[in-house]
């Protein structure tokens, strides 16, 4: 039960980061450093989710 809750929290955080990334990329003059940071954070969260094979 706790694993599923943790999975859901991480997944929601990943979605939020991906939404921020998409909005930043669509800006008239996107901040490249912010995009790179958000991409790294999204990748990190994706890797965390890989540990939840049984959820």
C-alpha atoms as a PDB file:
ATOM      1  CA  UNK A   1       0.000   0.000   0.000  1.00  0.00           C
ATOM      2  CA  UNK A   2       2.800   2.410   0.888  1.00  0.00           C
ATOM      3  CA  UNK A   3       4.700   1.488  -2.267  1.00  0.00           C
ATOM      4  CA  UNK A   4       1.677   2.308  -4.394  1.00  0.00           C
ATOM      5  CA  UNK A   5       1.232   5.646  -2.595  1.00  0.00           C
ATOM      6  CA  UNK A   6       4.895   6.491  -3.099  1.00  0.00           C
ATOM      7  CA  UNK A   7       4.662   5.485  -6.760  1.00  0.00           C
ATOM      8  CA  UNK A   8       1.638   7.746  -7.227  1.00  0.00           C
ATOM      9  CA  UNK A   9       3.393  10.683  -5.546  1.00  0.00           C
ATOM     10  CA  UNK A  10       6.490  10.291  -7.730  1.00  0.00           C
ATOM     11  CA  UNK A  11       4.360   9.861 -10.861  1.00  0.00           C
ATOM     12  CA  UNK A  12       2.387  13.027 -10.091  1.00  0.00           C
ATOM     13  CA  UNK A  13       5.607  14.947  -9.512  1.00  0.00           C
ATOM     14  CA  UNK A  14       6.908  13.675 -12.857  1.00  0.00           C
ATOM     15  CA  UNK A  15       3.735  14.858 -14.612  1.00  0.00           C
ATOM     16  CA  UNK A  16       4.043  18.280 -12.987  1.00  0.00           C
ATOM     17  CA  UNK A  17       7.667  18.607 -14.098  1.00  0.00           C
ATOM     18  CA  UNK A  18       6.816  17.500 -17.640  1.00  0.00           C
ATOM     19  CA  UNK A  19       4.009  20.083 -17.764  1.00  0.00           C
ATOM     20  CA  UNK A  20       6.416  22.815 -16.623  1.00  0.00           C
ATOM     21  CA  UNK A  21       8.925  21.664 -19.227  1.00  0.00           C
ATOM     22  CA  UNK A  22       6.338  21.789 -21.987  1.00  0.00           C
ATOM     23  CA  UNK A  23       5.226  25.299 -20.978  1.00  0.00           C
ATOM     24  CA  UNK A  24       8.824  26.514 -20.861  1.00  0.00           C
ATOM     25  CA  UNK A  25       9.591  25.067 -24.292  1.00  0.00           C
ATOM     26  CA  UNK A  26       6.585  26.906 -25.734  1.00  0.00           C
ATOM     27  CA  UNK A  27       7.690  30.301 -24.423  1.00  0.00           C
ATOM     28  CA  UNK A  28       8.644  32.948 -26.970  1.00  0.00           C
ATOM     29  CA  UNK A  29      12.177  32.963 -25.530  1.00  0.00           C
ATOM     30  CA  UNK A  30      12.611  29.771 -23.481  1.00  0.00           C
ATOM     31  CA  UNK A  31      15.246  29.631 -20.741  1.00  0.00           C
ATOM     32  CA  UNK A  32      17.635  26.893 -21.903  1.00  0.00           C
ATOM     33  CA  UNK A  33      19.088  26.378 -18.409  1.00  0.00           C
ATOM     34  CA  UNK A  34      15.607  25.908 -16.963  1.00  0.00           C
ATOM     35  CA  UNK A  35      14.737  23.438 -19.749  1.00  0.00           C
ATOM     36  CA  UNK A  36      17.885  21.409 -19.083  1.00  0.00           C
ATOM     37  CA  UNK A  37      17.167  21.388 -15.346  1.00  0.00           C
ATOM     38  CA  UNK A  38      13.585  20.265 -15.857  1.00  0.00           C
ATOM     39  CA  UNK A  39      14.700  17.558 -18.302  1.00  0.00           C
ATOM     40  CA  UNK A  40      17.202  16.259 -15.755  1.00  0.00           C
ATOM     41  CA  UNK A  41      14.583  16.249 -13.016  1.00  0.00           C
ATOM     42  CA  UNK A  42      12.077  14.409 -15.242  1.00  0.00           C
ATOM     43  CA  UNK A  43      14.733  11.822 -16.113  1.00  0.00           C
ATOM     44  CA  UNK A  44      15.580  11.353 -12.444  1.00  0.00           C
ATOM     45  CA  UNK A  45      11.926  10.792 -11.574  1.00  0.00           C
ATOM     46  CA  UNK A  46      11.548   8.334 -14.458  1.00  0.00           C
ATOM     47  CA  UNK A  47      14.476   6.359 -13.070  1.00  0.00           C
ATOM     48  CA  UNK A  48      12.880   6.355  -9.622  1.00  0.00           C
ATOM     49  CA  UNK A  49       9.690   4.943 -11.105  1.00  0.00           C
ATOM     50  CA  UNK A  50      11.654   2.066 -12.660  1.00  0.00           C
ATOM     51  CA  UNK A  51      12.104   0.662  -9.138  1.00  0.00           C
ATOM     52  CA  UNK A  52       8.363   0.031  -8.886  1.00  0.00           C
ATOM     53  CA  UNK A  53       7.947  -2.962 -11.197  1.00  0.00           C
ATOM     54  CA  UNK A  54       5.295  -4.570  -8.992  1.00  0.00           C
ATOM     55  CA  UNK A  55       3.008  -1.535  -8.643  1.00  0.00           C
END
